[in-house]
Amino acid sequence: MKQYSDLITGAVSLLIGIALLVLSIPIGIQENNLIGAAFLPEIVSVIIIALSLKLMYDGFRAAQDYEETVPEFVKNYKGAAVMMVACILYAELLKPVGFLITSIVFLFLTFCLMTKKEETNYLKLGALTIVSVFLIYFIFTKFFGIRLPAGILKGII
């Protein structure tokens, strides 16, 4: 069944695209206008249909060459426990320590836990973490106008 997953997903997406197209046609008929309220849904539905057909085609081709491989999963109870504790600490320390510091530590720990040991590049993960957290902070504070806890950095930021 797994070998047909893209084919099935494409077929379901195709049905959704066709339904969207059929449901958007009456909107355009009511307006008697080429570009109106129905124009965007019609364009989106055509894009969905085209991408669905492409996914179905790729899925059909991949199903012919499919070989079942069973991946070996290693249960990581220690990592799961560390993440649970990290989530609880993040929630508890967010207000007193602040969003920036708490998020940097939490995200870096998360990246380290979810990366294979042999592929871990701490400098790259650290840079990605800092850029991500500052970008999120900027978007929420400047773009959305949402205040995030400053914590121990109050007065500095």
C-alpha atoms as a PDB file:
ATOM      1  CA  MET A   1       0.000   0.000   0.000  1.00  0.00           C
ATOM      2  CA  LYS A   2       2.884   2.332   0.761  1.00  0.00           C
ATOM      3  CA  GLN A   3       4.077   2.127  -2.815  1.00  0.00           C
ATOM      4  CA  TYR A   4       0.822   3.723  -3.956  1.00  0.00           C
ATOM      5  CA  SER A   5       0.775   6.551  -1.393  1.00  0.00           C
ATOM      6  CA  ASP A   6       1.666   9.297  -3.892  1.00  0.00           C
ATOM      7  CA  LEU A   7      -0.825   7.915  -6.376  1.00  0.00           C
ATOM      8  CA  ILE A   8      -3.599   7.893  -3.750  1.00  0.00           C
ATOM      9  CA  THR A   9      -2.672  11.362  -2.473  1.00  0.00           C
ATOM     10  CA  GLY A  10      -2.693  12.677  -6.021  1.00  0.00           C
ATOM     11  CA  ALA A  11      -6.105  11.145  -6.687  1.00  0.00           C
ATOM     12  CA  VAL A  12      -7.594  12.670  -3.528  1.00  0.00           C
ATOM     13  CA  SER A  13      -6.046  16.039  -4.374  1.00  0.00           C
ATOM     14  CA  LEU A  14      -7.437  15.757  -7.891  1.00  0.00           C
ATOM     15  CA  LEU A  15     -10.936  15.206  -6.498  1.00  0.00           C
ATOM     16  CA  ILE A  16     -10.523  18.232  -4.213  1.00  0.00           C
ATOM     17  CA  GLY A  17      -9.317  20.359  -7.131  1.00  0.00           C
ATOM     18  CA  ILE A  18     -12.230  19.278  -9.312  1.00  0.00           C
ATOM     19  CA  ALA A  19     -14.691  19.942  -6.487  1.00  0.00           C
ATOM     20  CA  LEU A  20     -13.214  23.406  -5.956  1.00  0.00           C
ATOM     21  CA  LEU A  21     -13.479  24.149  -9.671  1.00  0.00           C
ATOM     22  CA  VAL A  22     -17.079  22.922  -9.866  1.00  0.00           C
ATOM     23  CA  LEU A  23     -18.069  24.909  -6.773  1.00  0.00           C
ATOM     24  CA  SER A  24     -16.418  28.102  -8.041  1.00  0.00           C
ATOM     25  CA  ILE A  25     -18.115  28.086 -11.461  1.00  0.00           C
ATOM     26  CA  PRO A  26     -21.543  29.270 -10.149  1.00  0.00           C
ATOM     27  CA  ILE A  27     -19.864  32.263  -8.519  1.00  0.00           C
ATOM     28  CA  GLY A  28     -18.577  33.453 -11.898  1.00  0.00           C
ATOM     29  CA  ILE A  29     -21.930  32.851 -13.596  1.00  0.00           C
ATOM     30  CA  GLN A  30     -23.715  35.070 -11.057  1.00  0.00           C
ATOM     31  CA  GLU A  31     -21.345  37.975 -11.661  1.00  0.00           C
ATOM     32  CA  ASN A  32     -21.215  37.879 -15.495  1.00  0.00           C
ATOM     33  CA  ASN A  33     -17.626  39.095 -15.247  1.00  0.00           C
ATOM     34  CA  LEU A  34     -14.443  37.423 -16.473  1.00  0.00           C
ATOM     35  CA  ILE A  35     -12.335  38.502 -13.518  1.00  0.00           C
ATOM     36  CA  GLY A  36     -14.334  38.565 -10.334  1.00  0.00           C
ATOM     37  CA  ALA A  37     -14.788  36.663  -7.107  1.00  0.00           C
ATOM     38  CA  ALA A  38     -14.577  33.287  -8.875  1.00  0.00           C
ATOM     39  CA  PHE A  39     -11.291  34.041 -10.645  1.00  0.00           C
ATOM     40  CA  LEU A  40      -8.936  33.167  -7.779  1.00  0.00           C
ATOM     41  CA  PRO A  41     -10.697  29.908  -6.778  1.00  0.00           C
ATOM     42  CA  GLU A  42     -10.705  28.834 -10.414  1.00  0.00           C
ATOM     43  CA  ILE A  43      -6.982  29.549 -10.799  1.00  0.00           C
ATOM     44  CA  VAL A  44      -6.186  27.756  -7.528  1.00  0.00           C
ATOM     45  CA  SER A  45      -8.290  24.750  -8.541  1.00  0.00           C
ATOM     46  CA  VAL A  46      -6.538  24.496 -11.915  1.00  0.00           C
ATOM     47  CA  ILE A  47      -3.158  24.623 -10.140  1.00  0.00           C
ATOM     48  CA  ILE A  48      -4.312  21.927  -7.681  1.00  0.00           C
ATOM     49  CA  ILE A  49      -5.524  19.750 -10.543  1.00  0.00           C
ATOM     50  CA  ALA A  50      -2.263  20.166 -12.473  1.00  0.00           C
ATOM     51  CA  LEU A  51      -0.114  19.395  -9.434  1.00  0.00           C
ATOM     52  CA  SER A  52      -2.326  16.430  -8.557  1.00  0.00           C
ATOM     53  CA  LEU A  53      -1.919  14.982 -12.034  1.00  0.00           C
ATOM     54  CA  LYS A  54       1.849  15.440 -11.775  1.00  0.00           C
ATOM     55  CA  LEU A  55       1.875  13.722  -8.356  1.00  0.00           C
ATOM     56  CA  MET A  56      -0.219  10.851  -9.707  1.00  0.00           C
ATOM     57  CA  TYR A  57       2.125  10.447 -12.681  1.00  0.00           C
ATOM     58  CA  ASP A  58       5.206  10.458 -10.437  1.00  0.00           C
ATOM     59  CA  GLY A  59       3.487   8.086  -8.011  1.00  0.00           C
ATOM     60  CA  PHE A  60       2.609   5.680 -10.806  1.00  0.00           C
ATOM     61  CA  ARG A  61       6.201   5.654 -12.050  1.00  0.00           C
ATOM     62  CA  ALA A  62       7.593   5.235  -8.533  1.00  0.00           C
ATOM     63  CA  ALA A  63       5.182   2.375  -7.769  1.00  0.00           C
ATOM     64  CA  GLN A  64       6.613   0.365 -10.645  1.00  0.00           C
ATOM     65  CA  ASP A  65      10.165   0.560  -9.219  1.00  0.00           C
ATOM     66  CA  TYR A  66       9.195   0.293  -5.548  1.00  0.00           C
ATOM     67  CA  GLU A  67      11.060  -2.114  -3.279  1.00  0.00           C
ATOM     68  CA  GLU A  68       9.899  -2.594   0.291  1.00  0.00           C
ATOM     69  CA  THR A  69      12.558  -1.783   2.866  1.00  0.00           C
ATOM     70  CA  VAL A  70      11.825  -1.964   6.542  1.00  0.00           C
ATOM     71  CA  PRO A  71      13.658   0.785   8.433  1.00  0.00           C
ATOM     72  CA  GLU A  72      15.087  -0.050  11.801  1.00  0.00           C
ATOM     73  CA  PHE A  73      13.778   2.288  14.459  1.00  0.00           C
ATOM     74  CA  VAL A  74      15.650   2.709  17.684  1.00  0.00           C
ATOM     75  CA  LYS A  75      13.500   3.604  20.639  1.00  0.00           C
ATOM     76  CA  ASN A  76      14.971   6.610  22.401  1.00  0.00           C
ATOM     77  CA  TYR A  77      13.303   6.833  25.775  1.00  0.00           C
ATOM     78  CA  LYS A  78      16.115   8.977  27.180  1.00  0.00           C
ATOM     79  CA  GLY A  79      15.734  11.546  24.390  1.00  0.00           C
ATOM     80  CA  ALA A  80      11.964  11.611  24.829  1.00  0.00           C
ATOM     81  CA  ALA A  81      12.342  12.147  28.577  1.00  0.00           C
ATOM     82  CA  VAL A  82      14.871  14.946  28.024  1.00  0.00           C
ATOM     83  CA  MET A  83      12.483  16.663  25.584  1.00  0.00           C
ATOM     84  CA  MET A  84       9.589  16.395  28.046  1.00  0.00           C
ATOM     85  CA  VAL A  85      11.689  17.968  30.786  1.00  0.00           C
ATOM     86  CA  ALA A  86      12.958  20.629  28.346  1.00  0.00           C
ATOM     87  CA  CYS A  87       9.395  21.543  27.345  1.00  0.00           C
ATOM     88  CA  ILE A  88       8.328  21.884  30.973  1.00  0.00           C
ATOM     89  CA  LEU A  89      11.408  23.971  31.829  1.00  0.00           C
ATOM     90  CA  TYR A  90      10.851  26.146  28.757  1.00  0.00           C
ATOM     91  CA  ALA A  91       7.282  26.872  29.811  1.00  0.00           C
ATOM     92  CA  GLU A  92       8.309  27.593  33.403  1.00  0.00           C
ATOM     93  CA  LEU A  93      11.348  29.755  32.590  1.00  0.00           C
ATOM     94  CA  LEU A  94       9.897  31.699  29.665  1.00  0.00           C
ATOM     95  CA  LYS A  95       8.558  34.608  31.704  1.00  0.00           C
ATOM     96  CA  PRO A  96      11.337  35.024  34.324  1.00  0.00           C
ATOM     97  CA  VAL A  97      14.310  34.403  31.987  1.00  0.00           C
ATOM     98  CA  GLY A  98      12.790  35.800  28.804  1.00  0.00           C
ATOM     99  CA  PHE A  99      11.881  34.659  25.330  1.00  0.00           C
ATOM    100  CA  LEU A 100      15.245  35.183  23.659  1.00  0.00           C
ATOM    101  CA  ILE A 101      17.466  33.287  26.096  1.00  0.00           C
ATOM    102  CA  THR A 102      14.985  30.519  26.853  1.00  0.00           C
ATOM    103  CA  SER A 103      14.155  29.953  23.189  1.00  0.00           C
ATOM    104  CA  ILE A 104      17.797  29.875  22.122  1.00  0.00           C
ATOM    105  CA  VAL A 105      18.645  27.235  24.724  1.00  0.00           C
ATOM    106  CA  PHE A 106      15.500  25.192  24.029  1.00  0.00           C
ATOM    107  CA  LEU A 107      15.824  25.273  20.234  1.00  0.00           C
ATOM    108  CA  PHE A 108      19.540  24.427  20.333  1.00  0.00           C
ATOM    109  CA  LEU A 109      18.834  21.466  22.627  1.00  0.00           C
ATOM    110  CA  THR A 110      16.017  20.336  20.332  1.00  0.00           C
ATOM    111  CA  PHE A 111      18.233  20.552  17.254  1.00  0.00           C
ATOM    112  CA  CYS A 112      20.978  18.581  19.006  1.00  0.00           C
ATOM    113  CA  LEU A 113      18.586  15.859  20.143  1.00  0.00           C
ATOM    114  CA  MET A 114      16.999  15.471  16.729  1.00  0.00           C
ATOM    115  CA  THR A 115      20.222  15.379  14.737  1.00  0.00           C
ATOM    116  CA  LYS A 116      22.229  12.198  14.354  1.00  0.00           C
ATOM    117  CA  LYS A 117      25.345  12.255  16.509  1.00  0.00           C
ATOM    118  CA  GLU A 118      27.699  11.751  13.569  1.00  0.00           C
ATOM    119  CA  GLU A 119      26.031  14.576  11.606  1.00  0.00           C
ATOM    120  CA  THR A 120      25.924  17.133  14.440  1.00  0.00           C
ATOM    121  CA  ASN A 121      27.649  20.406  13.593  1.00  0.00           C
ATOM    122  CA  TYR A 122      27.283  22.495  16.752  1.00  0.00           C
ATOM    123  CA  LEU A 123      28.460  25.727  15.128  1.00  0.00           C
ATOM    124  CA  LYS A 124      25.912  25.401  12.319  1.00  0.00           C
ATOM    125  CA  LEU A 125      23.125  24.468  14.743  1.00  0.00           C
ATOM    126  CA  GLY A 126      24.032  27.380  17.012  1.00  0.00           C
ATOM    127  CA  ALA A 127      23.968  29.871  14.155  1.00  0.00           C
ATOM    128  CA  LEU A 128      20.670  28.479  12.863  1.00  0.00           C
ATOM    129  CA  THR A 129      19.196  28.676  16.354  1.00  0.00           C
ATOM    130  CA  ILE A 130      20.229  32.284  16.978  1.00  0.00           C
ATOM    131  CA  VAL A 131      19.064  33.495  13.571  1.00  0.00           C
ATOM    132  CA  SER A 132      15.745  31.642  13.907  1.00  0.00           C
ATOM    133  CA  VAL A 133      14.966  32.940  17.381  1.00  0.00           C
ATOM    134  CA  PHE A 134      15.844  36.549  16.532  1.00  0.00           C
ATOM    135  CA  LEU A 135      13.819  36.341  13.317  1.00  0.00           C
ATOM    136  CA  ILE A 136      10.813  34.954  15.215  1.00  0.00           C
ATOM    137  CA  TYR A 137      11.255  37.656  17.884  1.00  0.00           C
ATOM    138  CA  PHE A 138      11.404  40.392  15.239  1.00  0.00           C
ATOM    139  CA  ILE A 139       8.363  39.116  13.349  1.00  0.00           C
ATOM    140  CA  PHE A 140       6.216  38.800  16.460  1.00  0.00           C
ATOM    141  CA  THR A 141       7.239  42.087  18.080  1.00  0.00           C
ATOM    142  CA  LYS A 142       7.573  44.384  15.067  1.00  0.00           C
ATOM    143  CA  PHE A 143       5.251  42.858  12.473  1.00  0.00           C
ATOM    144  CA  PHE A 144       2.431  41.455  14.627  1.00  0.00           C
ATOM    145  CA  GLY A 145       2.894  43.838  17.566  1.00  0.00           C
ATOM    146  CA  ILE A 146       2.920  41.004  20.110  1.00  0.00           C
ATOM    147  CA  ARG A 147       5.004  41.566  23.223  1.00  0.00           C
ATOM    148  CA  LEU A 148       7.170  38.627  24.221  1.00  0.00           C
ATOM    149  CA  PRO A 149       8.608  38.205  27.731  1.00  0.00           C
ATOM    150  CA  ALA A 150      11.892  40.109  28.088  1.00  0.00           C
ATOM    151  CA  GLY A 151      12.860  38.452  31.382  1.00  0.00           C
ATOM    152  CA  ILE A 152      16.374  39.294  32.562  1.00  0.00           C
ATOM    153  CA  LEU A 153      17.002  41.322  29.396  1.00  0.00           C
ATOM    154  CA  LYS A 154      14.303  43.846  30.383  1.00  0.00           C
ATOM    155  CA  GLY A 155      15.546  47.327  29.649  1.00  0.00           C
ATOM    156  CA  ILE A 156      18.118  46.067  27.144  1.00  0.00           C
ATOM    157  CA  ILE A 157      15.697  44.986  24.408  1.00  0.00           C
END
